[in-house]
Amino acid sequence: MKQQHKTFIQVRFKDIDALGHVNNANHLSYIENARVEYFKDVVGSNINWASTGIILARVTIDYRQPILLTDQVFVYTSVIRVGSKSFTIKNVIVKVEGTEEVTLAETEAVMVCFNYTLNQTIQVPDAWRAAFEKFEGTFGT
């Protein structure tokens, strides 16, 4: 992954569990926040989510290291595959340690394009596909 799109994540006190690290469920919120920022920055903010929405169909998370309250955390986001009705997003959650970035978790999420008004799947909008390719470069379907 080129790791071009980078989103800062504010680790909140409420994210921390009794063991002193971020509870694993919060990783989903972190990548959701990064996905929203990616769409705003790469695709644009003029999306009617009712008629051109997305559904999270599948997500995998590989946890590498715990996230602590004092960590400076970022999420890299990249679209790595675009199909006819779905696309795959890769996220890498990192923390800054000195001058280096340490990988905390890696995720992949399959997003299905969905029209909530009609209650049915739809094709990946051409404008989205073009925006992904412009930002990421060309990739296979």
C-alpha atoms as a PDB file:
ATOM      1  CA  MET A   1       0.000   0.000   0.000  1.00  0.00           C
ATOM      2  CA  LYS A   2       1.295   3.450  -0.916  1.00  0.00           C
ATOM      3  CA  GLN A   3      -0.038   4.891   2.342  1.00  0.00           C
ATOM      4  CA  GLN A   4      -0.883   8.265   0.868  1.00  0.00           C
ATOM      5  CA  HIS A   5      -4.077   9.090   2.760  1.00  0.00           C
ATOM      6  CA  LYS A   6      -3.375   9.588   6.450  1.00  0.00           C
ATOM      7  CA  THR A   7      -5.925  10.373   9.176  1.00  0.00           C
ATOM      8  CA  PHE A   8      -5.083  11.380  12.748  1.00  0.00           C
ATOM      9  CA  ILE A   9      -7.019   9.437  15.388  1.00  0.00           C
ATOM     10  CA  GLN A  10      -7.728  10.941  18.796  1.00  0.00           C
ATOM     11  CA  VAL A  11      -7.422   8.110  21.318  1.00  0.00           C
ATOM     12  CA  ARG A  12     -10.036   8.855  23.953  1.00  0.00           C
ATOM     13  CA  PHE A  13      -9.991   7.837  27.595  1.00  0.00           C
ATOM     14  CA  LYS A  14     -13.274   5.987  27.038  1.00  0.00           C
ATOM     15  CA  ASP A  15     -11.521   3.790  24.420  1.00  0.00           C
ATOM     16  CA  ILE A  16      -9.267   2.285  27.092  1.00  0.00           C
ATOM     17  CA  ASP A  17     -10.302  -0.964  28.788  1.00  0.00           C
ATOM     18  CA  ALA A  18      -9.437  -2.346  32.221  1.00  0.00           C
ATOM     19  CA  LEU A  19      -6.135  -3.695  30.896  1.00  0.00           C
ATOM     20  CA  GLY A  20      -4.944  -0.186  29.980  1.00  0.00           C
ATOM     21  CA  HIS A  21      -5.099  -0.428  26.193  1.00  0.00           C
ATOM     22  CA  VAL A  22      -7.651   0.422  23.516  1.00  0.00           C
ATOM     23  CA  ASN A  23     -10.380  -2.194  23.399  1.00  0.00           C
ATOM     24  CA  ASN A  24     -10.312  -4.083  20.103  1.00  0.00           C
ATOM     25  CA  ALA A  25     -13.816  -2.936  19.123  1.00  0.00           C
ATOM     26  CA  ASN A  26     -12.568   0.646  18.816  1.00  0.00           C
ATOM     27  CA  HIS A  27     -10.378  -0.295  15.860  1.00  0.00           C
ATOM     28  CA  LEU A  28     -13.556  -0.482  13.765  1.00  0.00           C
ATOM     29  CA  SER A  29     -14.457   3.073  14.770  1.00  0.00           C
ATOM     30  CA  TYR A  30     -10.953   4.252  13.912  1.00  0.00           C
ATOM     31  CA  ILE A  31     -11.054   2.776  10.409  1.00  0.00           C
ATOM     32  CA  GLU A  32     -14.597   4.073   9.898  1.00  0.00           C
ATOM     33  CA  ASN A  33     -13.398   7.576  10.764  1.00  0.00           C
ATOM     34  CA  ALA A  34     -10.489   7.166   8.329  1.00  0.00           C
ATOM     35  CA  ARG A  35     -12.860   5.879   5.612  1.00  0.00           C
ATOM     36  CA  VAL A  36     -15.090   8.953   6.007  1.00  0.00           C
ATOM     37  CA  GLU A  37     -12.058  11.246   5.729  1.00  0.00           C
ATOM     38  CA  TYR A  38     -10.795   9.333   2.690  1.00  0.00           C
ATOM     39  CA  PHE A  39     -14.151   9.738   0.944  1.00  0.00           C
ATOM     40  CA  LYS A  40     -14.295  13.432   1.816  1.00  0.00           C
ATOM     41  CA  ASP A  41     -10.765  14.047   0.534  1.00  0.00           C
ATOM     42  CA  VAL A  42     -10.625  11.675  -2.441  1.00  0.00           C
ATOM     43  CA  VAL A  43     -14.203  11.277  -3.704  1.00  0.00           C
ATOM     44  CA  GLY A  44     -15.688  14.559  -2.444  1.00  0.00           C
ATOM     45  CA  SER A  45     -18.331  15.501   0.077  1.00  0.00           C
ATOM     46  CA  ASN A  46     -21.246  15.818  -2.348  1.00  0.00           C
ATOM     47  CA  ILE A  47     -22.532  12.250  -1.889  1.00  0.00           C
ATOM     48  CA  ASN A  48     -26.198  11.417  -1.345  1.00  0.00           C
ATOM     49  CA  TRP A  49     -25.654   8.465   0.994  1.00  0.00           C
ATOM     50  CA  ALA A  50     -29.320   7.375   0.743  1.00  0.00           C
ATOM     51  CA  SER A  51     -29.138   6.713  -2.990  1.00  0.00           C
ATOM     52  CA  THR A  52     -25.406   6.065  -3.321  1.00  0.00           C
ATOM     53  CA  GLY A  53     -24.408   4.443  -0.067  1.00  0.00           C
ATOM     54  CA  ILE A  54     -22.141   1.681   1.098  1.00  0.00           C
ATOM     55  CA  ILE A  55     -22.516  -1.323   3.373  1.00  0.00           C
ATOM     56  CA  LEU A  56     -19.662  -2.943   5.226  1.00  0.00           C
ATOM     57  CA  ALA A  57     -19.859  -6.550   4.004  1.00  0.00           C
ATOM     58  CA  ARG A  58     -16.681  -7.972   5.521  1.00  0.00           C
ATOM     59  CA  VAL A  59     -13.794  -6.790   7.645  1.00  0.00           C
ATOM     60  CA  THR A  60     -10.656  -8.512   8.856  1.00  0.00           C
ATOM     61  CA  ILE A  61      -8.308  -7.093  11.457  1.00  0.00           C
ATOM     62  CA  ASP A  62      -4.814  -8.315  12.236  1.00  0.00           C
ATOM     63  CA  TYR A  63      -3.807  -6.888  15.606  1.00  0.00           C
ATOM     64  CA  ARG A  64      -0.038  -6.358  15.890  1.00  0.00           C
ATOM     65  CA  GLN A  65       0.440  -4.286  19.066  1.00  0.00           C
ATOM     66  CA  PRO A  66      -1.861  -2.704  21.638  1.00  0.00           C
ATOM     67  CA  ILE A  67      -2.834   0.953  21.345  1.00  0.00           C
ATOM     68  CA  LEU A  68      -2.295   2.994  24.508  1.00  0.00           C
ATOM     69  CA  LEU A  69      -3.917   6.239  25.614  1.00  0.00           C
ATOM     70  CA  THR A  70      -0.717   8.220  25.130  1.00  0.00           C
ATOM     71  CA  ASP A  71       0.004   6.895  21.605  1.00  0.00           C
ATOM     72  CA  GLN A  72      -0.063   9.288  18.658  1.00  0.00           C
ATOM     73  CA  VAL A  73      -2.170   7.244  16.232  1.00  0.00           C
ATOM     74  CA  PHE A  74      -2.812   7.578  12.499  1.00  0.00           C
ATOM     75  CA  VAL A  75      -4.690   5.434   9.989  1.00  0.00           C
ATOM     76  CA  TYR A  76      -3.528   5.015   6.405  1.00  0.00           C
ATOM     77  CA  THR A  77      -6.339   4.287   3.952  1.00  0.00           C
ATOM     78  CA  SER A  78      -6.170   2.936   0.425  1.00  0.00           C
ATOM     79  CA  VAL A  79      -8.652   1.387  -1.997  1.00  0.00           C
ATOM     80  CA  ILE A  80      -6.891  -1.727  -3.265  1.00  0.00           C
ATOM     81  CA  ARG A  81      -9.598  -3.357  -5.417  1.00  0.00           C
ATOM     82  CA  VAL A  82     -12.675  -2.181  -7.275  1.00  0.00           C
ATOM     83  CA  GLY A  83     -15.228  -4.655  -8.567  1.00  0.00           C
ATOM     84  CA  SER A  84     -18.584  -4.097 -10.236  1.00  0.00           C
ATOM     85  CA  LYS A  85     -20.610  -3.528  -7.044  1.00  0.00           C
ATOM     86  CA  SER A  86     -17.967  -3.569  -4.320  1.00  0.00           C
ATOM     87  CA  PHE A  87     -14.504  -2.340  -3.456  1.00  0.00           C
ATOM     88  CA  THR A  88     -11.893  -3.261  -0.871  1.00  0.00           C
ATOM     89  CA  ILE A  89     -10.267  -0.787   1.485  1.00  0.00           C
ATOM     90  CA  LYS A  90      -6.984  -1.498   3.239  1.00  0.00           C
ATOM     91  CA  ASN A  91      -6.163   0.341   6.453  1.00  0.00           C
ATOM     92  CA  VAL A  92      -2.954   0.361   8.438  1.00  0.00           C
ATOM     93  CA  ILE A  93      -3.162   1.728  11.965  1.00  0.00           C
ATOM     94  CA  VAL A  94       0.180   3.106  13.142  1.00  0.00           C
ATOM     95  CA  LYS A  95       1.653   5.006  16.046  1.00  0.00           C
ATOM     96  CA  VAL A  96       4.524   7.447  15.952  1.00  0.00           C
ATOM     97  CA  GLU A  97       7.492   6.306  17.996  1.00  0.00           C
ATOM     98  CA  GLY A  98      10.306   8.834  17.772  1.00  0.00           C
ATOM     99  CA  THR A  99      10.903   9.337  14.060  1.00  0.00           C
ATOM    100  CA  GLU A 100       9.437   5.948  13.083  1.00  0.00           C
ATOM    101  CA  GLU A 101       5.940   4.616  12.566  1.00  0.00           C
ATOM    102  CA  VAL A 102       5.054   1.310  14.197  1.00  0.00           C
ATOM    103  CA  THR A 103       2.220  -0.805  12.772  1.00  0.00           C
ATOM    104  CA  LEU A 104      -0.451  -1.517  15.377  1.00  0.00           C
ATOM    105  CA  ALA A 105      -3.059  -3.220  13.188  1.00  0.00           C
ATOM    106  CA  GLU A 106      -3.838  -3.966   9.545  1.00  0.00           C
ATOM    107  CA  THR A 107      -7.363  -4.264   8.191  1.00  0.00           C
ATOM    108  CA  GLU A 108      -9.176  -5.016   4.966  1.00  0.00           C
ATOM    109  CA  ALA A 109     -12.834  -4.154   4.467  1.00  0.00           C
ATOM    110  CA  VAL A 110     -15.131  -5.070   1.591  1.00  0.00           C
ATOM    111  CA  MET A 111     -17.655  -2.320   0.945  1.00  0.00           C
ATOM    112  CA  VAL A 112     -20.764  -3.004  -1.148  1.00  0.00           C
ATOM    113  CA  CYS A 113     -22.423  -0.092  -2.930  1.00  0.00           C
ATOM    114  CA  PHE A 114     -26.076   0.156  -1.935  1.00  0.00           C
ATOM    115  CA  ASN A 115     -29.125   2.283  -2.700  1.00  0.00           C
ATOM    116  CA  TYR A 116     -30.994   2.612   0.604  1.00  0.00           C
ATOM    117  CA  THR A 117     -34.009   4.191  -1.088  1.00  0.00           C
ATOM    118  CA  LEU A 118     -34.478   1.183  -3.383  1.00  0.00           C
ATOM    119  CA  ASN A 119     -33.024  -1.271  -0.844  1.00  0.00           C
ATOM    120  CA  GLN A 120     -30.707  -2.900  -3.387  1.00  0.00           C
ATOM    121  CA  THR A 121     -27.077  -3.150  -4.402  1.00  0.00           C
ATOM    122  CA  ILE A 122     -25.808  -0.831  -7.114  1.00  0.00           C
ATOM    123  CA  GLN A 123     -22.771  -0.546  -9.362  1.00  0.00           C
ATOM    124  CA  VAL A 124     -19.741   1.288  -8.009  1.00  0.00           C
ATOM    125  CA  PRO A 125     -20.421   4.825  -9.264  1.00  0.00           C
ATOM    126  CA  ASP A 126     -18.192   5.793 -12.188  1.00  0.00           C
ATOM    127  CA  ALA A 127     -17.211   9.001 -10.379  1.00  0.00           C
ATOM    128  CA  TRP A 128     -15.996   6.976  -7.375  1.00  0.00           C
ATOM    129  CA  ARG A 129     -14.070   4.559  -9.591  1.00  0.00           C
ATOM    130  CA  ALA A 130     -12.426   7.479 -11.386  1.00  0.00           C
ATOM    131  CA  ALA A 131     -11.559   9.196  -8.079  1.00  0.00           C
ATOM    132  CA  PHE A 132     -10.064   5.989  -6.656  1.00  0.00           C
ATOM    133  CA  GLU A 133      -7.970   5.437  -9.791  1.00  0.00           C
ATOM    134  CA  LYS A 134      -6.829   9.059  -9.908  1.00  0.00           C
ATOM    135  CA  PHE A 135      -5.700   8.921  -6.272  1.00  0.00           C
ATOM    136  CA  GLU A 136      -4.417   5.334  -6.093  1.00  0.00           C
ATOM    137  CA  GLY A 137      -3.323   4.695  -9.653  1.00  0.00           C
ATOM    138  CA  THR A 138      -4.714   1.926 -11.823  1.00  0.00           C
ATOM    139  CA  PHE A 139      -5.634  -1.413 -10.252  1.00  0.00           C
ATOM    140  CA  GLY A 140      -7.392  -4.581 -11.378  1.00  0.00           C
ATOM    141  CA  THR A 141     -11.076  -5.307 -10.929  1.00  0.00           C
END
